[in-house]
C-alpha atoms as a PDB file:
ATOM      1  CA  MET A   1       2.262   8.916 -20.189  1.00  0.00           C
ATOM      2  CA  SER A   2       0.917  10.655 -17.070  1.00  0.00           C
ATOM      3  CA  HIS A   3       1.147   9.014 -13.655  1.00  0.00           C
ATOM      4  CA  LEU A   4      -2.657   8.620 -13.707  1.00  0.00           C
ATOM      5  CA  ASP A   5      -2.646   6.856 -17.065  1.00  0.00           C
ATOM      6  CA  LYS A   6       0.194   4.605 -15.964  1.00  0.00           C
ATOM      7  CA  VAL A   7      -1.340   3.710 -12.589  1.00  0.00           C
ATOM      8  CA  LYS A   8      -4.740   3.090 -14.188  1.00  0.00           C
ATOM      9  CA  ASN A   9      -3.681   1.169 -17.278  1.00  0.00           C
ATOM     10  CA  GLY A  10      -0.042   0.158 -16.931  1.00  0.00           C
ATOM     11  CA  ASN A  11       1.354  -3.319 -16.377  1.00  0.00           C
ATOM     12  CA  GLY A  12       3.106  -3.646 -13.027  1.00  0.00           C
ATOM     13  CA  PHE A  13       2.491  -3.243  -9.318  1.00  0.00           C
ATOM     14  CA  ILE A  14       2.715  -0.781  -6.419  1.00  0.00           C
ATOM     15  CA  ALA A  15       5.656  -1.161  -4.010  1.00  0.00           C
ATOM     16  CA  ALA A  16       4.671  -0.525  -0.385  1.00  0.00           C
ATOM     17  CA  LEU A  17       7.602   1.086   1.445  1.00  0.00           C
ATOM     18  CA  ASP A  18       5.522   2.756   4.145  1.00  0.00           C
ATOM     19  CA  GLN A  19       6.364   0.950   7.376  1.00  0.00           C
ATOM     20  CA  SER A  20       5.647   3.429  10.162  1.00  0.00           C
ATOM     21  CA  GLY A  21       6.628   3.716  13.825  1.00  0.00           C
ATOM     22  CA  GLY A  22       4.785   0.609  14.937  1.00  0.00           C
ATOM     23  CA  SER A  23       5.910  -1.699  12.129  1.00  0.00           C
ATOM     24  CA  THR A  24       9.429  -0.348  11.555  1.00  0.00           C
ATOM     25  CA  PRO A  25      11.200  -2.446  14.245  1.00  0.00           C
ATOM     26  CA  LYS A  26       9.792  -5.627  12.700  1.00  0.00           C
ATOM     27  CA  ALA A  27      10.786  -4.508   9.193  1.00  0.00           C
ATOM     28  CA  LEU A  28      14.320  -3.787  10.396  1.00  0.00           C
ATOM     29  CA  ARG A  29      14.478  -7.086  12.270  1.00  0.00           C
ATOM     30  CA  LEU A  30      13.525  -8.984   9.102  1.00  0.00           C
ATOM     31  CA  TYR A  31      16.230  -6.987   7.305  1.00  0.00           C
ATOM     32  CA  GLY A  32      18.789  -8.181   9.867  1.00  0.00           C
ATOM     33  CA  ILE A  33      18.958  -5.119  12.142  1.00  0.00           C
ATOM     34  CA  ALA A  34      18.124  -5.964  15.759  1.00  0.00           C
ATOM     35  CA  GLU A  35      16.374  -3.506  18.084  1.00  0.00           C
ATOM     36  CA  ASP A  36      19.523  -3.156  20.216  1.00  0.00           C
ATOM     37  CA  SER A  37      21.275  -1.661  17.165  1.00  0.00           C
ATOM     38  CA  TYR A  38      19.600   1.724  17.717  1.00  0.00           C
ATOM     39  CA  ASP A  39      18.750   3.793  20.773  1.00  0.00           C
ATOM     40  CA  THR A  40      16.297   6.416  19.511  1.00  0.00           C
ATOM     41  CA  GLU A  41      13.362   6.649  17.137  1.00  0.00           C
ATOM     42  CA  GLU A  42      15.413   9.008  14.980  1.00  0.00           C
ATOM     43  CA  GLU A  43      18.162   6.398  14.609  1.00  0.00           C
ATOM     44  CA  MET A  44      15.531   3.763  13.814  1.00  0.00           C
ATOM     45  CA  PHE A  45      14.022   5.886  11.031  1.00  0.00           C
ATOM     46  CA  ASP A  46      17.482   6.667   9.648  1.00  0.00           C
ATOM     47  CA  LEU A  47      18.190   2.952   9.388  1.00  0.00           C
ATOM     48  CA  VAL A  48      14.894   2.168   7.668  1.00  0.00           C
ATOM     49  CA  HIS A  49      15.456   5.053   5.256  1.00  0.00           C
ATOM     50  CA  GLN A  50      18.825   3.520   4.390  1.00  0.00           C
ATOM     51  CA  MET A  51      16.984   0.250   3.659  1.00  0.00           C
ATOM     52  CA  ARG A  52      14.396   2.015   1.477  1.00  0.00           C
ATOM     53  CA  THR A  53      17.127   3.983  -0.302  1.00  0.00           C
ATOM     54  CA  ARG A  54      18.908   0.743  -1.111  1.00  0.00           C
ATOM     55  CA  ILE A  55      15.662  -0.619  -2.565  1.00  0.00           C
ATOM     56  CA  VAL A  56      14.629   2.368  -4.705  1.00  0.00           C
ATOM     57  CA  THR A  57      18.147   2.970  -6.043  1.00  0.00           C
ATOM     58  CA  SER A  58      18.563  -0.683  -6.995  1.00  0.00           C
ATOM     59  CA  PRO A  59      18.741  -1.412 -10.728  1.00  0.00           C
ATOM     60  CA  ALA A  60      15.890  -3.869 -10.080  1.00  0.00           C
ATOM     61  CA  PHE A  61      13.536  -1.045  -8.996  1.00  0.00           C
ATOM     62  CA  THR A  62      12.378   0.242 -12.374  1.00  0.00           C
ATOM     63  CA  SER A  63       9.271   1.782 -13.893  1.00  0.00           C
ATOM     64  CA  ASP A  64       8.785  -0.993 -16.432  1.00  0.00           C
ATOM     65  CA  LYS A  65       7.515  -3.231 -13.607  1.00  0.00           C
ATOM     66  CA  ILE A  66       6.770  -0.820 -10.727  1.00  0.00           C
ATOM     67  CA  LEU A  67       3.953   1.692 -11.268  1.00  0.00           C
ATOM     68  CA  GLY A  68       4.125   3.434  -7.898  1.00  0.00           C
ATOM     69  CA  ALA A  69       5.651   3.359  -4.427  1.00  0.00           C
ATOM     70  CA  ILE A  70       3.982   4.142  -1.090  1.00  0.00           C
ATOM     71  CA  LEU A  71       6.099   6.205   1.292  1.00  0.00           C
ATOM     72  CA  PHE A  72       6.008   6.948   5.000  1.00  0.00           C
ATOM     73  CA  GLU A  73       5.896  10.645   5.971  1.00  0.00           C
ATOM     74  CA  GLN A  74       9.512  10.646   7.177  1.00  0.00           C
ATOM     75  CA  THR A  75      10.600   9.064   3.888  1.00  0.00           C
ATOM     76  CA  MET A  76       8.857  11.843   1.948  1.00  0.00           C
ATOM     77  CA  GLU A  77      10.821  14.424   3.927  1.00  0.00           C
ATOM     78  CA  SER A  78      14.109  12.564   3.392  1.00  0.00           C
ATOM     79  CA  LYS A  79      16.379  12.542   0.362  1.00  0.00           C
ATOM     80  CA  VAL A  80      17.669   9.887  -2.017  1.00  0.00           C
ATOM     81  CA  ASP A  81      20.782  10.760  -4.009  1.00  0.00           C
ATOM     82  CA  GLY A  82      20.314  14.437  -3.186  1.00  0.00           C
ATOM     83  CA  LYS A  83      16.637  14.598  -4.196  1.00  0.00           C
ATOM     84  CA  TYR A  84      13.549  14.356  -2.031  1.00  0.00           C
ATOM     85  CA  THR A  85      12.250  10.795  -2.312  1.00  0.00           C
ATOM     86  CA  ALA A  86       9.088  11.640  -4.264  1.00  0.00           C
ATOM     87  CA  GLU A  87      11.095  13.640  -6.817  1.00  0.00           C
ATOM     88  CA  TYR A  88      13.581  10.788  -7.144  1.00  0.00           C
ATOM     89  CA  LEU A  89      10.723   8.356  -7.840  1.00  0.00           C
ATOM     90  CA  ARG A  90       9.015  10.686 -10.320  1.00  0.00           C
ATOM     91  CA  ASP A  91      12.285  11.037 -12.210  1.00  0.00           C
ATOM     92  CA  LYS A  92      12.345   7.223 -12.463  1.00  0.00           C
ATOM     93  CA  GLY A  93       8.774   7.256 -13.840  1.00  0.00           C
ATOM     94  CA  ILE A  94       7.267   5.844 -10.622  1.00  0.00           C
ATOM     95  CA  ALA A  95       4.225   7.505  -9.022  1.00  0.00           C
ATOM     96  CA  PRO A  96       4.808   8.451  -5.349  1.00  0.00           C
ATOM     97  CA  PHE A  97       2.079   7.749  -2.783  1.00  0.00           C
ATOM     98  CA  LEU A  98       2.060   8.784   0.895  1.00  0.00           C
ATOM     99  CA  LYS A  99       0.720   6.894   3.908  1.00  0.00           C
ATOM    100  CA  VAL A 100      -1.433   9.459   5.750  1.00  0.00           C
ATOM    101  CA  ASP A 101      -3.097   7.538   8.576  1.00  0.00           C
ATOM    102  CA  LYS A 102      -1.804   7.773  12.148  1.00  0.00           C
ATOM    103  CA  GLY A 103      -2.242   4.097  12.927  1.00  0.00           C
ATOM    104  CA  LEU A 104      -5.065   1.922  14.179  1.00  0.00           C
ATOM    105  CA  ALA A 105      -7.418   2.489  17.085  1.00  0.00           C
ATOM    106  CA  ASP A 106      -7.922  -0.371  19.548  1.00  0.00           C
ATOM    107  CA  GLU A 107     -10.137  -3.181  18.318  1.00  0.00           C
ATOM    108  CA  GLU A 108     -13.812  -2.637  19.048  1.00  0.00           C
ATOM    109  CA  ASN A 109     -16.725  -4.731  17.771  1.00  0.00           C
ATOM    110  CA  GLY A 110     -14.370  -6.774  15.610  1.00  0.00           C
ATOM    111  CA  VAL A 111     -12.799  -3.856  13.719  1.00  0.00           C
ATOM    112  CA  GLN A 112     -10.013  -1.318  14.078  1.00  0.00           C
ATOM    113  CA  LEU A 113     -10.859   2.129  12.807  1.00  0.00           C
ATOM    114  CA  MET A 114      -8.162   4.667  11.998  1.00  0.00           C
ATOM    115  CA  LYS A 115      -6.989   6.990  14.743  1.00  0.00           C
ATOM    116  CA  PRO A 116      -7.950  10.669  14.376  1.00  0.00           C
ATOM    117  CA  MET A 117      -5.894  12.687  11.880  1.00  0.00           C
ATOM    118  CA  PRO A 118      -5.967  16.266  13.207  1.00  0.00           C
ATOM    119  CA  GLU A 119      -3.047  17.364  11.006  1.00  0.00           C
ATOM    120  CA  LEU A 120      -4.338  15.823   7.773  1.00  0.00           C
ATOM    121  CA  ASP A 121      -4.809  19.108   5.895  1.00  0.00           C
ATOM    122  CA  GLU A 122      -1.278  20.256   6.651  1.00  0.00           C
ATOM    123  CA  LEU A 123       0.141  16.844   5.683  1.00  0.00           C
ATOM    124  CA  LEU A 124      -1.761  16.871   2.377  1.00  0.00           C
ATOM    125  CA  ASP A 125      -0.458  20.364   1.634  1.00  0.00           C
ATOM    126  CA  ARG A 126       3.103  19.126   2.205  1.00  0.00           C
ATOM    127  CA  ALA A 127       2.359  16.112   0.014  1.00  0.00           C
ATOM    128  CA  ASN A 128       1.348  18.424  -2.798  1.00  0.00           C
ATOM    129  CA  GLU A 129       4.516  20.472  -2.319  1.00  0.00           C
ATOM    130  CA  HIS A 130       6.528  17.272  -2.758  1.00  0.00           C
ATOM    131  CA  GLY A 131       4.604  16.247  -5.879  1.00  0.00           C
ATOM    132  CA  ILE A 132       2.930  13.239  -4.272  1.00  0.00           C
ATOM    133  CA  PHE A 133       0.406  11.532  -6.599  1.00  0.00           C
ATOM    134  CA  GLY A 134      -1.808   9.755  -4.072  1.00  0.00           C
ATOM    135  CA  THR A 135      -2.252   8.619  -0.487  1.00  0.00           C
ATOM    136  CA  LYS A 136      -2.907   5.442   1.490  1.00  0.00           C
ATOM    137  CA  MET A 137      -4.696   4.803   4.783  1.00  0.00           C
ATOM    138  CA  ARG A 138      -5.390   1.507   6.539  1.00  0.00           C
ATOM    139  CA  SER A 139      -8.130   0.052   8.737  1.00  0.00           C
ATOM    140  CA  VAL A 140      -8.464  -3.616   9.763  1.00  0.00           C
ATOM    141  CA  ILE A 141     -11.504  -5.899   9.975  1.00  0.00           C
ATOM    142  CA  HIS A 142     -11.360  -9.005  12.172  1.00  0.00           C
ATOM    143  CA  GLU A 143     -14.973 -10.168  12.483  1.00  0.00           C
ATOM    144  CA  ALA A 144     -18.065 -10.362  10.274  1.00  0.00           C
ATOM    145  CA  ASN A 145     -20.060  -7.601  11.975  1.00  0.00           C
ATOM    146  CA  GLU A 146     -22.034  -5.694   9.360  1.00  0.00           C
ATOM    147  CA  GLY A 147     -22.470  -2.391  11.237  1.00  0.00           C
ATOM    148  CA  PRO A 148     -18.827  -1.980  12.278  1.00  0.00           C
ATOM    149  CA  ILE A 149     -17.603  -3.005   8.792  1.00  0.00           C
ATOM    150  CA  LYS A 150     -19.821  -0.327   7.297  1.00  0.00           C
ATOM    151  CA  GLU A 151     -18.365   2.155   9.806  1.00  0.00           C
ATOM    152  CA  VAL A 152     -14.834   1.276   8.661  1.00  0.00           C
ATOM    153  CA  VAL A 153     -15.760   1.863   5.029  1.00  0.00           C
ATOM    154  CA  GLU A 154     -17.620   5.104   5.755  1.00  0.00           C
ATOM    155  CA  GLN A 155     -14.611   6.470   7.661  1.00  0.00           C
ATOM    156  CA  GLN A 156     -12.294   5.554   4.778  1.00  0.00           C
ATOM    157  CA  PHE A 157     -14.466   7.281   2.178  1.00  0.00           C
ATOM    158  CA  GLU A 158     -15.113  10.337   4.353  1.00  0.00           C
ATOM    159  CA  ILE A 159     -11.378  10.970   4.600  1.00  0.00           C
ATOM    160  CA  GLY A 160     -10.913   9.910   0.990  1.00  0.00           C
ATOM    161  CA  LYS A 161     -13.148  12.780  -0.128  1.00  0.00           C
ATOM    162  CA  LYS A 162     -10.973  15.258   1.802  1.00  0.00           C
ATOM    163  CA  ILE A 163      -7.941  13.840  -0.001  1.00  0.00           C
ATOM    164  CA  LEU A 164      -9.678  14.118  -3.376  1.00  0.00           C
ATOM    165  CA  ALA A 165     -10.489  17.757  -2.595  1.00  0.00           C
ATOM    166  CA  LYS A 166      -6.742  18.378  -2.298  1.00  0.00           C
ATOM    167  CA  GLY A 167      -6.168  16.969  -5.775  1.00  0.00           C
ATOM    168  CA  LEU A 168      -4.654  13.666  -4.618  1.00  0.00           C
ATOM    169  CA  VAL A 169      -5.777  10.106  -5.340  1.00  0.00           C
ATOM    170  CA  PRO A 170      -6.722   8.187  -2.166  1.00  0.00           C
ATOM    171  CA  ILE A 171      -6.033   4.484  -1.757  1.00  0.00           C
ATOM    172  CA  ILE A 172      -8.878   3.162   0.407  1.00  0.00           C
ATOM    173  CA  GLU A 173      -7.536   0.225   2.474  1.00  0.00           C
ATOM    174  CA  PRO A 174      -9.949  -1.731   4.695  1.00  0.00           C
ATOM    175  CA  GLU A 175      -7.736  -4.777   5.325  1.00  0.00           C
ATOM    176  CA  VAL A 176      -9.353  -8.103   6.247  1.00  0.00           C
ATOM    177  CA  ASP A 177      -7.456 -10.228   8.779  1.00  0.00           C
ATOM    178  CA  ILE A 178      -6.309 -13.298   6.816  1.00  0.00           C
ATOM    179  CA  ASN A 179      -6.599 -15.394   9.990  1.00  0.00           C
ATOM    180  CA  SER A 180     -10.260 -14.548  10.608  1.00  0.00           C
ATOM    181  CA  LYS A 181     -12.519 -17.606  10.709  1.00  0.00           C
ATOM    182  CA  ASP A 182     -15.150 -15.502   8.937  1.00  0.00           C
ATOM    183  CA  LYS A 183     -12.870 -14.098   6.206  1.00  0.00           C
ATOM    184  CA  GLU A 184     -15.142 -15.071   3.322  1.00  0.00           C
ATOM    185  CA  LYS A 185     -18.242 -13.652   5.005  1.00  0.00           C
ATOM    186  CA  ILE A 186     -16.396 -10.444   5.921  1.00  0.00           C
ATOM    187  CA  GLU A 187     -15.413  -9.978   2.278  1.00  0.00           C
ATOM    188  CA  ASP A 188     -19.022 -10.318   1.110  1.00  0.00           C
ATOM    189  CA  ILE A 189     -20.168  -7.668   3.611  1.00  0.00           C
ATOM    190  CA  LEU A 190     -17.196  -5.457   2.771  1.00  0.00           C
ATOM    191  CA  LYS A 191     -17.848  -5.581  -0.971  1.00  0.00           C
ATOM    192  CA  VAL A 192     -21.452  -4.424  -0.520  1.00  0.00           C
ATOM    193  CA  ALA A 193     -20.354  -1.579   1.793  1.00  0.00           C
ATOM    194  CA  ILE A 194     -17.658  -0.412  -0.643  1.00  0.00           C
ATOM    195  CA  LEU A 195     -20.015  -0.545  -3.632  1.00  0.00           C
ATOM    196  CA  ASP A 196     -22.511   1.565  -1.688  1.00  0.00           C
ATOM    197  CA  GLU A 197     -19.882   4.258  -1.050  1.00  0.00           C
ATOM    198  CA  LEU A 198     -18.513   4.114  -4.612  1.00  0.00           C
ATOM    199  CA  ASP A 199     -22.010   4.709  -6.000  1.00  0.00           C
ATOM    200  CA  LYS A 200     -22.226   7.933  -3.957  1.00  0.00           C
ATOM    201  CA  LEU A 201     -19.092   9.391  -5.535  1.00  0.00           C
ATOM    202  CA  GLU A 202     -19.456  12.022  -8.229  1.00  0.00           C
ATOM    203  CA  GLU A 203     -17.814  12.193 -11.643  1.00  0.00           C
ATOM    204  CA  GLY A 204     -14.128  12.916 -11.106  1.00  0.00           C
ATOM    205  CA  GLN A 205     -14.046  11.507  -7.566  1.00  0.00           C
ATOM    206  CA  ASP A 206     -12.045   8.453  -8.560  1.00  0.00           C
ATOM    207  CA  VAL A 207     -10.287   6.311  -5.946  1.00  0.00           C
ATOM    208  CA  MET A 208      -8.062   3.284  -5.650  1.00  0.00           C
ATOM    209  CA  LEU A 209      -8.784   0.300  -3.413  1.00  0.00           C
ATOM    210  CA  LYS A 210      -6.207  -1.772  -1.512  1.00  0.00           C
ATOM    211  CA  LEU A 211      -7.766  -5.024  -0.357  1.00  0.00           C
ATOM    212  CA  THR A 212      -6.831  -8.375   1.120  1.00  0.00           C
ATOM    213  CA  ILE A 213      -6.816 -11.014  -1.626  1.00  0.00           C
ATOM    214  CA  PRO A 214     -10.335 -12.536  -1.482  1.00  0.00           C
ATOM    215  CA  SER A 215     -10.999 -16.131  -0.479  1.00  0.00           C
ATOM    216  CA  VAL A 216     -13.410 -16.589  -3.387  1.00  0.00           C
ATOM    217  CA  ARG A 217     -11.787 -16.110  -6.783  1.00  0.00           C
ATOM    218  CA  ASN A 218     -12.764 -12.850  -8.503  1.00  0.00           C
ATOM    219  CA  ASN A 219     -15.095 -11.886  -5.633  1.00  0.00           C
ATOM    220  CA  PHE A 220     -14.004  -8.262  -6.075  1.00  0.00           C
ATOM    221  CA  LYS A 221     -14.502  -8.129  -9.866  1.00  0.00           C
ATOM    222  CA  GLU A 222     -17.412  -5.670  -9.428  1.00  0.00           C
ATOM    223  CA  LEU A 223     -15.022  -3.342  -7.609  1.00  0.00           C
ATOM    224  CA  VAL A 224     -12.361  -3.716 -10.314  1.00  0.00           C
ATOM    225  CA  ASP A 225     -14.940  -2.787 -12.969  1.00  0.00           C
ATOM    226  CA  HIS A 226     -16.591   0.106 -11.106  1.00  0.00           C
ATOM    227  CA  PRO A 227     -16.301   3.417 -13.036  1.00  0.00           C
ATOM    228  CA  ARG A 228     -15.089   5.300  -9.920  1.00  0.00           C
ATOM    229  CA  VAL A 229     -12.215   2.865  -9.295  1.00  0.00           C
ATOM    230  CA  ILE A 230      -8.847   3.695 -10.872  1.00  0.00           C
ATOM    231  CA  ARG A 231      -7.232   0.415  -9.778  1.00  0.00           C
ATOM    232  CA  VAL A 232      -7.659  -2.362  -7.221  1.00  0.00           C
ATOM    233  CA  VAL A 233      -4.399  -3.421  -5.572  1.00  0.00           C
ATOM    234  CA  ALA A 234      -3.814  -6.262  -3.133  1.00  0.00           C
ATOM    235  CA  LEU A 235      -1.845  -6.327   0.106  1.00  0.00           C
ATOM    236  CA  SER A 236       0.191  -9.393   1.010  1.00  0.00           C
ATOM    237  CA  GLY A 237      -1.404  -9.259   4.460  1.00  0.00           C
ATOM    238  CA  GLY A 238       0.922 -11.676   6.239  1.00  0.00           C
ATOM    239  CA  TYR A 239       1.009 -14.287   3.470  1.00  0.00           C
ATOM    240  CA  SER A 240       4.445 -15.321   2.223  1.00  0.00           C
ATOM    241  CA  ARG A 241       5.354 -13.824  -1.133  1.00  0.00           C
ATOM    242  CA  ALA A 242       4.891 -17.197  -2.853  1.00  0.00           C
ATOM    243  CA  THR A 243       1.412 -17.707  -1.390  1.00  0.00           C
ATOM    244  CA  ALA A 244       0.346 -14.110  -2.051  1.00  0.00           C
ATOM    245  CA  ASN A 245       1.522 -14.372  -5.654  1.00  0.00           C
ATOM    246  CA  GLU A 246      -0.388 -17.596  -6.274  1.00  0.00           C
ATOM    247  CA  LEU A 247      -3.588 -16.156  -4.781  1.00  0.00           C
ATOM    248  CA  LEU A 248      -3.159 -12.944  -6.756  1.00  0.00           C
ATOM    249  CA  LYS A 249      -2.915 -14.820 -10.052  1.00  0.00           C
ATOM    250  CA  GLU A 250      -6.462 -16.103  -9.451  1.00  0.00           C
ATOM    251  CA  ASN A 251      -8.007 -12.610  -9.420  1.00  0.00           C
ATOM    252  CA  GLU A 252      -8.495 -10.743 -12.689  1.00  0.00           C
ATOM    253  CA  GLY A 253      -7.720  -7.050 -12.746  1.00  0.00           C
ATOM    254  CA  ILE A 254      -6.056  -6.901  -9.301  1.00  0.00           C
ATOM    255  CA  ILE A 255      -2.365  -6.032  -9.028  1.00  0.00           C
ATOM    256  CA  ALA A 256      -0.005  -6.298  -6.056  1.00  0.00           C
ATOM    257  CA  SER A 257       0.855  -3.643  -3.504  1.00  0.00           C
ATOM    258  CA  PHE A 258       3.132  -5.725  -1.344  1.00  0.00           C
ATOM    259  CA  SER A 259       5.326  -4.621   1.559  1.00  0.00           C
ATOM    260  CA  ARG A 260       6.720  -7.656   3.344  1.00  0.00           C
ATOM    261  CA  GLY A 261       6.132  -9.689   0.191  1.00  0.00           C
ATOM    262  CA  LEU A 262       8.469  -7.354  -1.701  1.00  0.00           C
ATOM    263  CA  THR A 263      11.261  -7.161   0.887  1.00  0.00           C
ATOM    264  CA  GLU A 264      11.161 -10.827   1.949  1.00  0.00           C
ATOM    265  CA  GLY A 265      14.681 -12.236   2.136  1.00  0.00           C
ATOM    266  CA  LEU A 266      16.512  -8.914   1.780  1.00  0.00           C
ATOM    267  CA  SER A 267      19.280  -8.401   4.343  1.00  0.00           C
ATOM    268  CA  VAL A 268      21.599  -5.619   5.421  1.00  0.00           C
ATOM    269  CA  ASP A 269      24.472  -8.125   5.302  1.00  0.00           C
ATOM    270  CA  GLN A 270      24.028  -8.985   1.619  1.00  0.00           C
ATOM    271  CA  THR A 271      26.453  -7.658  -0.945  1.00  0.00           C
ATOM    272  CA  ASP A 272      24.938  -5.228  -3.445  1.00  0.00           C
ATOM    273  CA  GLU A 273      24.999  -7.985  -6.047  1.00  0.00           C
ATOM    274  CA  GLU A 274      23.177 -10.421  -3.752  1.00  0.00           C
ATOM    275  CA  PHE A 275      20.686  -7.773  -2.682  1.00  0.00           C
ATOM    276  CA  ASN A 276      19.951  -6.599  -6.234  1.00  0.00           C
ATOM    277  CA  ASN A 277      19.610 -10.137  -7.583  1.00  0.00           C
ATOM    278  CA  LEU A 278      17.159 -11.128  -4.862  1.00  0.00           C
ATOM    279  CA  LEU A 279      15.137  -7.914  -5.278  1.00  0.00           C
ATOM    280  CA  ALA A 280      15.074  -8.441  -9.046  1.00  0.00           C
ATOM    281  CA  ASP A 281      13.706 -11.954  -8.517  1.00  0.00           C
ATOM    282  CA  SER A 282      11.035 -10.637  -6.113  1.00  0.00           C
ATOM    283  CA  VAL A 283      10.035  -7.863  -8.513  1.00  0.00           C
ATOM    284  CA  GLU A 284       9.822 -10.280 -11.430  1.00  0.00           C
ATOM    285  CA  LYS A 285       7.624 -12.758  -9.543  1.00  0.00           C
ATOM    286  CA  ILE A 286       5.283 -10.072  -8.156  1.00  0.00           C
ATOM    287  CA  TYR A 287       5.041  -8.482 -11.608  1.00  0.00           C
ATOM    288  CA  ASP A 288       4.216 -11.847 -13.129  1.00  0.00           C
ATOM    289  CA  ALA A 289       1.471 -12.479 -10.561  1.00  0.00           C
ATOM    290  CA  SER A 290       0.041  -8.992 -11.191  1.00  0.00           C
ATOM    291  CA  VAL A 291       0.037  -9.224 -14.959  1.00  0.00           C
ATOM    292  CA  ASN A 292      -0.332 -12.877 -15.924  1.00  0.00           C
ATOM    293  CA  LYS A 293      -3.623 -14.201 -14.615  1.00  0.00           C
ATOM    294  CA  LYS A 294      -4.834 -17.798 -14.705  1.00  0.00           C
END
């Protein structure tokens, strides 16, 4: 089965292992490594790569439950057991994705667009050299402002088309702030804006969507069923794993793409047995929420 067939039709979820410069210290802190444990950015990234290596080499990290894994650029250029990370994942039957955005711009009009990506073409070329299957890029919406929300979606699809032109599958990720008082209204506006952009895509310009789990059950079913959508995946978005899993079960056709929800409870101080058992439990519960709907 090809990676496309598996990502589109397989049972399982996408593991998000793409913490970048801004979110890495928090990820390490949750893993039990304090910020005074490293002095440079290089040391920080080495430590987080050790964490990711421990995850992907775990016997719990298998292709029967995990369809794909999202990597940070530095992770793509690093090795796991002597192989570049994407090759290691492909050999396990797991599709490798790459985070390509350069972070969020400052909030303006209730949204955060993506920062400029002047080196995108070169990064996509390197992604192809590494055998990357797809990409991911994130914006954030905080307020129910129709114009700015449309701008977020237009930016995502504009860059998504450049990614498609390079032969990669883009994951479009306009995250909705789970703490927004207007979350439900934002999601209604967002759905309309995404459908508008999807309808403009041509045959063969198929994308994935990574969305905050909607407040109204099955509110994104039209997106799940759209012919240009390969798969809709959900981010945990600050929810605990238990809460995210319960909300996910309510939404037909949406699978998980959790980051913190996947690594919750893992610690550098755990024995391999403790670490693997906890990761196996996390994988099983996220898989169950992705596959077994209410």
